[in-house]
Amino acid sequence: MKNVKKTIEEILEREVRPRLAIHAGNIEFVDFDEVTGCVSVRLLGMCHGCPLASLTLQHGIEALLKERIKTVVSVVAVV
């Protein structure tokens, strides 16, 4: 089985970054805690500080990662 961190990076690269780029935003993968199932990311560009960033994070990015990777429990943004 593929490394979870590598899979997260691939999903972010193929599916999330292109969508965020449409709005002049980006995302950086920070870490994945295998014990808690928490993915840490950093929102960049226009996504950083955007009022809709929390919706994008929870209903977009978190939902996608949880659907694709069963060990992902949550996604949090770090500054």
N, C-alpha and C. Protein backbone atom coordinates (compact mmCIF):
# COMPACT_ATOMS: atom_id res chain seq x y z
N MET A 1 0.84 -1.20 0.00
CA MET A 1 0.00 0.00 0.00
C MET A 1 0.87 1.25 0.00
N LYS A 2 0.41 2.24 -0.73
CA LYS A 2 1.15 3.49 -0.88
C LYS A 2 1.19 4.28 0.43
N ASN A 3 2.24 4.99 0.63
CA ASN A 3 2.40 5.87 1.78
C ASN A 3 1.25 6.89 1.81
N VAL A 4 0.61 7.06 2.95
CA VAL A 4 -0.54 7.97 3.07
C VAL A 4 -0.14 9.41 2.73
N LYS A 5 1.02 9.84 3.20
CA LYS A 5 1.45 11.22 2.91
C LYS A 5 1.61 11.44 1.41
N LYS A 6 2.16 10.46 0.74
CA LYS A 6 2.33 10.57 -0.71
C LYS A 6 0.98 10.62 -1.42
N THR A 7 0.04 9.83 -0.96
CA THR A 7 -1.30 9.83 -1.54
C THR A 7 -1.99 11.17 -1.32
N ILE A 8 -1.85 11.74 -0.13
CA ILE A 8 -2.42 13.06 0.15
C ILE A 8 -1.84 14.09 -0.80
N GLU A 9 -0.52 14.09 -0.95
CA GLU A 9 0.15 15.02 -1.86
C GLU A 9 -0.39 14.88 -3.28
N GLU A 10 -0.57 13.65 -3.73
CA GLU A 10 -1.05 13.41 -5.09
C GLU A 10 -2.47 13.93 -5.28
N ILE A 11 -3.33 13.71 -4.31
CA ILE A 11 -4.71 14.20 -4.40
C ILE A 11 -4.73 15.72 -4.40
N LEU A 12 -3.95 16.34 -3.53
CA LEU A 12 -3.89 17.79 -3.49
C LEU A 12 -3.39 18.34 -4.83
N GLU A 13 -2.38 17.71 -5.38
CA GLU A 13 -1.79 18.18 -6.64
C GLU A 13 -2.77 18.03 -7.81
N ARG A 14 -3.39 16.88 -7.93
CA ARG A 14 -4.26 16.59 -9.09
C ARG A 14 -5.64 17.22 -9.00
N GLU A 15 -6.19 17.26 -7.78
CA GLU A 15 -7.60 17.64 -7.68
C GLU A 15 -7.89 18.94 -6.94
N VAL A 16 -7.10 19.25 -5.95
CA VAL A 16 -7.40 20.43 -5.13
C VAL A 16 -6.73 21.68 -5.69
N ARG A 17 -5.44 21.61 -5.96
CA ARG A 17 -4.71 22.81 -6.42
C ARG A 17 -5.31 23.43 -7.68
N PRO A 18 -5.68 22.63 -8.68
CA PRO A 18 -6.29 23.27 -9.87
C PRO A 18 -7.57 24.04 -9.55
N ARG A 19 -8.36 23.53 -8.63
CA ARG A 19 -9.60 24.22 -8.25
C ARG A 19 -9.31 25.51 -7.50
N LEU A 20 -8.34 25.47 -6.60
CA LEU A 20 -7.99 26.67 -5.84
C LEU A 20 -7.32 27.71 -6.74
N ALA A 21 -6.56 27.26 -7.73
CA ALA A 21 -5.85 28.17 -8.63
C ALA A 21 -6.82 29.04 -9.42
N ILE A 22 -8.01 28.53 -9.68
CA ILE A 22 -9.03 29.32 -10.39
C ILE A 22 -9.33 30.60 -9.62
N HIS A 23 -9.22 30.55 -8.30
CA HIS A 23 -9.50 31.70 -7.44
C HIS A 23 -8.22 32.33 -6.90
N ALA A 24 -7.10 32.10 -7.57
CA ALA A 24 -5.79 32.63 -7.19
C ALA A 24 -5.34 32.14 -5.82
N GLY A 25 -5.72 30.91 -5.48
CA GLY A 25 -5.31 30.33 -4.21
C GLY A 25 -4.45 29.10 -4.42
N ASN A 26 -3.96 28.56 -3.32
CA ASN A 26 -3.14 27.36 -3.36
C ASN A 26 -3.19 26.70 -1.99
N ILE A 27 -2.64 25.51 -1.90
CA ILE A 27 -2.61 24.77 -0.65
C ILE A 27 -1.26 24.08 -0.52
N GLU A 28 -0.77 24.04 0.68
CA GLU A 28 0.50 23.37 0.97
C GLU A 28 0.24 22.27 2.00
N PHE A 29 0.68 21.06 1.69
CA PHE A 29 0.57 19.95 2.64
C PHE A 29 1.64 20.13 3.70
N VAL A 30 1.25 20.11 4.98
CA VAL A 30 2.19 20.30 6.08
C VAL A 30 2.54 18.96 6.71
N ASP A 31 1.52 18.18 7.11
CA ASP A 31 1.80 16.92 7.79
C ASP A 31 0.55 16.06 7.89
N PHE A 32 0.77 14.79 8.17
CA PHE A 32 -0.32 13.86 8.47
C PHE A 32 0.05 13.11 9.73
N ASP A 33 -0.81 13.19 10.74
CA ASP A 33 -0.59 12.48 12.00
C ASP A 33 -1.30 11.14 11.91
N GLU A 34 -0.53 10.07 11.81
CA GLU A 34 -1.11 8.74 11.64
C GLU A 34 -1.88 8.27 12.87
N VAL A 35 -1.57 8.80 14.04
CA VAL A 35 -2.26 8.41 15.27
C VAL A 35 -3.67 9.02 15.32
N THR A 36 -3.77 10.31 15.02
CA THR A 36 -5.06 11.00 15.11
C THR A 36 -5.83 11.03 13.79
N GLY A 37 -5.14 10.79 12.68
CA GLY A 37 -5.78 10.86 11.37
C GLY A 37 -5.98 12.28 10.88
N CYS A 38 -5.24 13.23 11.47
CA CYS A 38 -5.39 14.64 11.14
C CYS A 38 -4.38 15.07 10.07
N VAL A 39 -4.89 15.70 9.03
CA VAL A 39 -4.06 16.27 7.98
C VAL A 39 -3.92 17.76 8.26
N SER A 40 -2.71 18.27 8.25
CA SER A 40 -2.46 19.70 8.42
C SER A 40 -2.06 20.29 7.07
N VAL A 41 -2.71 21.39 6.72
CA VAL A 41 -2.42 22.07 5.46
C VAL A 41 -2.29 23.57 5.73
N ARG A 42 -1.70 24.26 4.79
CA ARG A 42 -1.59 25.71 4.86
C ARG A 42 -2.26 26.27 3.60
N LEU A 43 -3.23 27.14 3.79
CA LEU A 43 -3.89 27.79 2.66
C LEU A 43 -3.07 29.01 2.25
N LEU A 44 -2.87 29.16 0.96
CA LEU A 44 -2.01 30.22 0.43
C LEU A 44 -2.75 31.09 -0.57
N GLY A 45 -2.14 32.18 -0.94
CA GLY A 45 -2.73 33.08 -1.93
C GLY A 45 -4.03 33.67 -1.43
N MET A 46 -4.99 33.76 -2.32
CA MET A 46 -6.28 34.36 -1.96
C MET A 46 -7.07 33.49 -0.99
N CYS A 47 -6.69 32.23 -0.84
CA CYS A 47 -7.39 31.36 0.12
C CYS A 47 -7.04 31.70 1.56
N HIS A 48 -5.83 32.23 1.76
CA HIS A 48 -5.40 32.59 3.11
C HIS A 48 -6.22 33.79 3.58
N GLY A 49 -7.00 33.59 4.61
CA GLY A 49 -7.81 34.68 5.16
C GLY A 49 -9.15 34.87 4.48
N CYS A 50 -9.45 34.08 3.50
CA CYS A 50 -10.74 34.19 2.80
C CYS A 50 -11.87 33.78 3.75
N PRO A 51 -12.98 34.53 3.75
CA PRO A 51 -14.10 34.18 4.62
C PRO A 51 -14.70 32.79 4.33
N LEU A 52 -14.53 32.30 3.12
CA LEU A 52 -15.06 31.00 2.75
C LEU A 52 -14.04 29.87 2.90
N ALA A 53 -12.87 30.18 3.40
CA ALA A 53 -11.81 29.18 3.51
C ALA A 53 -12.21 28.00 4.40
N SER A 54 -12.93 28.27 5.48
CA SER A 54 -13.32 27.17 6.37
C SER A 54 -14.31 26.23 5.67
N LEU A 55 -15.18 26.77 4.84
CA LEU A 55 -16.11 25.92 4.08
C LEU A 55 -15.35 25.09 3.05
N THR A 56 -14.42 25.72 2.37
CA THR A 56 -13.60 25.01 1.39
C THR A 56 -12.83 23.90 2.07
N LEU A 57 -12.29 24.20 3.23
CA LEU A 57 -11.49 23.23 3.97
C LEU A 57 -12.32 22.03 4.41
N GLN A 58 -13.45 22.29 5.03
CA GLN A 58 -14.27 21.20 5.59
C GLN A 58 -15.10 20.46 4.54
N HIS A 59 -15.81 21.20 3.72
CA HIS A 59 -16.75 20.57 2.79
C HIS A 59 -16.11 20.20 1.46
N GLY A 60 -14.94 20.72 1.20
CA GLY A 60 -14.26 20.39 -0.04
C GLY A 60 -13.08 19.48 0.19
N ILE A 61 -12.04 20.03 0.77
CA ILE A 61 -10.78 19.30 0.94
C ILE A 61 -10.91 18.14 1.91
N GLU A 62 -11.46 18.40 3.09
CA GLU A 62 -11.61 17.34 4.09
C GLU A 62 -12.51 16.22 3.57
N ALA A 63 -13.63 16.57 2.98
CA ALA A 63 -14.55 15.56 2.46
C ALA A 63 -13.88 14.70 1.39
N LEU A 64 -13.13 15.32 0.50
CA LEU A 64 -12.43 14.59 -0.55
C LEU A 64 -11.39 13.63 0.02
N LEU A 65 -10.57 14.13 0.94
CA LEU A 65 -9.52 13.28 1.51
C LEU A 65 -10.12 12.14 2.34
N LYS A 66 -11.16 12.42 3.09
CA LYS A 66 -11.80 11.36 3.90
C LYS A 66 -12.43 10.30 3.00
N GLU A 67 -12.96 10.70 1.88
CA GLU A 67 -13.57 9.76 0.94
C GLU A 67 -12.51 8.85 0.31
N ARG A 68 -11.37 9.42 -0.03
CA ARG A 68 -10.33 8.68 -0.74
C ARG A 68 -9.39 7.90 0.17
N ILE A 69 -9.18 8.41 1.40
CA ILE A 69 -8.22 7.80 2.32
C ILE A 69 -8.93 7.53 3.63
N LYS A 70 -9.21 6.30 3.91
CA LYS A 70 -10.03 5.93 5.07
C LYS A 70 -9.39 6.28 6.41
N THR A 71 -8.08 6.45 6.46
CA THR A 71 -7.42 6.79 7.73
C THR A 71 -7.45 8.28 8.03
N VAL A 72 -7.92 9.11 7.09
CA VAL A 72 -8.03 10.55 7.34
C VAL A 72 -9.31 10.80 8.11
N VAL A 73 -9.17 11.49 9.25
CA VAL A 73 -10.30 11.81 10.13
C VAL A 73 -10.67 13.28 10.02
N SER A 74 -9.67 14.15 9.88
CA SER A 74 -9.94 15.59 9.81
C SER A 74 -8.83 16.29 9.04
N VAL A 75 -9.14 17.52 8.64
CA VAL A 75 -8.16 18.38 7.98
C VAL A 75 -8.21 19.73 8.69
N VAL A 76 -7.05 20.22 9.08
CA VAL A 76 -6.97 21.53 9.75
C VAL A 76 -6.00 22.44 9.00
N ALA A 77 -6.29 23.73 9.04
CA ALA A 77 -5.39 24.72 8.46
C ALA A 77 -4.48 25.27 9.54
N VAL A 78 -3.22 25.37 9.22
CA VAL A 78 -2.24 25.96 10.13
C VAL A 78 -1.72 27.24 9.51
N VAL A 79 -1.24 28.13 10.35
CA VAL A 79 -0.73 29.42 9.85
C VAL A 79 0.77 29.35 9.78
